[in-house]
């Protein structure tokens, strides 16, 4: 009886576990010294910069064309030291 329950539990766990295919939202990630950007499949361009001057330069170099721009705040938190494992 124990073996049967163990076998059923194992089969349930293995039948539910699937590897999910993970990919970036765009086809490619473009890196530069002052900015990075991703072109999405739906035509959106996501630009990451540290200041507005670099953003304006990125828009000029990428040649986006007529579009609307939504500037969002992005907070990047970098830990000063590695986490302690308990």
Protein backbone atom coordinates (compact mmCIF):
# COMPACT_ATOMS: atom_id res chain seq x y z
CA UNK A 1 0.00 0.00 0.00
CA UNK A 2 2.85 2.35 0.86
CA UNK A 3 4.56 1.65 -2.44
CA UNK A 4 1.36 2.26 -4.35
CA UNK A 5 0.82 5.65 -2.70
CA UNK A 6 4.45 6.57 -3.28
CA UNK A 7 4.17 5.57 -6.94
CA UNK A 8 0.97 7.56 -7.40
CA UNK A 9 2.53 10.61 -5.71
CA UNK A 10 5.59 10.37 -7.93
CA UNK A 11 3.48 10.05 -11.08
CA UNK A 12 1.38 13.07 -10.11
CA UNK A 13 4.49 15.18 -9.51
CA UNK A 14 6.16 14.19 -12.76
CA UNK A 15 3.02 14.65 -14.84
CA UNK A 16 2.54 18.21 -13.54
CA UNK A 17 6.16 19.33 -13.90
CA UNK A 18 6.96 20.79 -17.31
CA UNK A 19 9.84 22.92 -18.44
CA UNK A 20 8.62 26.33 -19.52
CA UNK A 21 10.37 27.83 -22.50
CA UNK A 22 11.58 31.30 -21.57
CA UNK A 23 12.62 33.94 -24.08
CA UNK A 24 13.26 37.66 -24.09
CA UNK A 25 10.30 39.92 -24.95
CA UNK A 26 12.01 41.12 -28.12
CA UNK A 27 14.06 39.44 -30.74
CA UNK A 28 17.34 41.02 -29.67
CA UNK A 29 18.83 43.12 -26.90
CA UNK A 30 20.96 45.98 -28.21
CA UNK A 31 23.66 47.36 -25.92
CA UNK A 32 25.55 50.63 -26.22
CA UNK A 33 27.81 52.56 -23.86
CA UNK A 34 25.08 54.92 -22.72
CA UNK A 35 21.83 53.08 -23.43
CA UNK A 36 20.27 49.67 -24.09
CA UNK A 37 17.09 48.86 -25.94
CA UNK A 38 14.81 45.99 -26.90
CA UNK A 39 12.49 45.99 -29.89
CA UNK A 40 9.32 44.09 -29.04
CA UNK A 41 7.35 41.88 -31.41
CA UNK A 42 4.49 44.40 -31.40
CA UNK A 43 6.70 47.28 -32.59
CA UNK A 44 7.38 48.83 -29.19
CA UNK A 45 10.90 49.91 -28.31
CA UNK A 46 12.01 49.78 -24.67
CA UNK A 47 15.01 52.06 -23.99
CA UNK A 48 16.99 52.01 -20.73
CA UNK A 49 19.27 54.97 -19.98
CA UNK A 50 20.64 56.72 -16.92
CA UNK A 51 19.62 60.26 -17.94
CA UNK A 52 17.39 62.13 -20.38
CA UNK A 53 20.23 63.32 -22.64
CA UNK A 54 21.24 59.72 -23.37
CA UNK A 55 17.57 58.92 -24.01
CA UNK A 56 17.33 61.66 -26.63
CA UNK A 57 20.54 60.42 -28.28
CA UNK A 58 19.18 56.87 -28.33
CA UNK A 59 15.95 57.96 -29.99
CA UNK A 60 17.93 59.81 -32.68
CA UNK A 61 20.23 56.83 -33.36
CA UNK A 62 17.49 54.18 -33.39
CA UNK A 63 15.34 56.12 -35.92
CA UNK A 64 12.03 55.14 -34.36
CA UNK A 65 9.96 57.43 -36.54
CA UNK A 66 6.67 59.06 -35.58
CA UNK A 67 5.60 57.70 -32.20
CA UNK A 68 4.45 58.59 -28.73
CA UNK A 69 6.91 58.47 -25.85
CA UNK A 70 5.99 57.38 -22.34
CA UNK A 71 8.83 58.03 -19.92
CA UNK A 72 8.71 55.79 -16.88
CA UNK A 73 10.82 55.67 -13.75
CA UNK A 74 12.96 52.57 -13.41
CA UNK A 75 14.50 51.72 -10.07
CA UNK A 76 17.52 49.44 -10.11
CA UNK A 77 18.55 48.09 -6.74
CA UNK A 78 22.04 46.64 -6.51
CA UNK A 79 22.91 44.88 -3.27
CA UNK A 80 26.17 46.00 -1.66
CA UNK A 81 27.05 42.53 -0.45
CA UNK A 82 25.96 39.00 -1.17
CA UNK A 83 23.02 37.52 0.66
CA UNK A 84 23.70 35.24 3.57
CA UNK A 85 22.33 31.75 3.12
CA UNK A 86 20.57 30.47 6.22
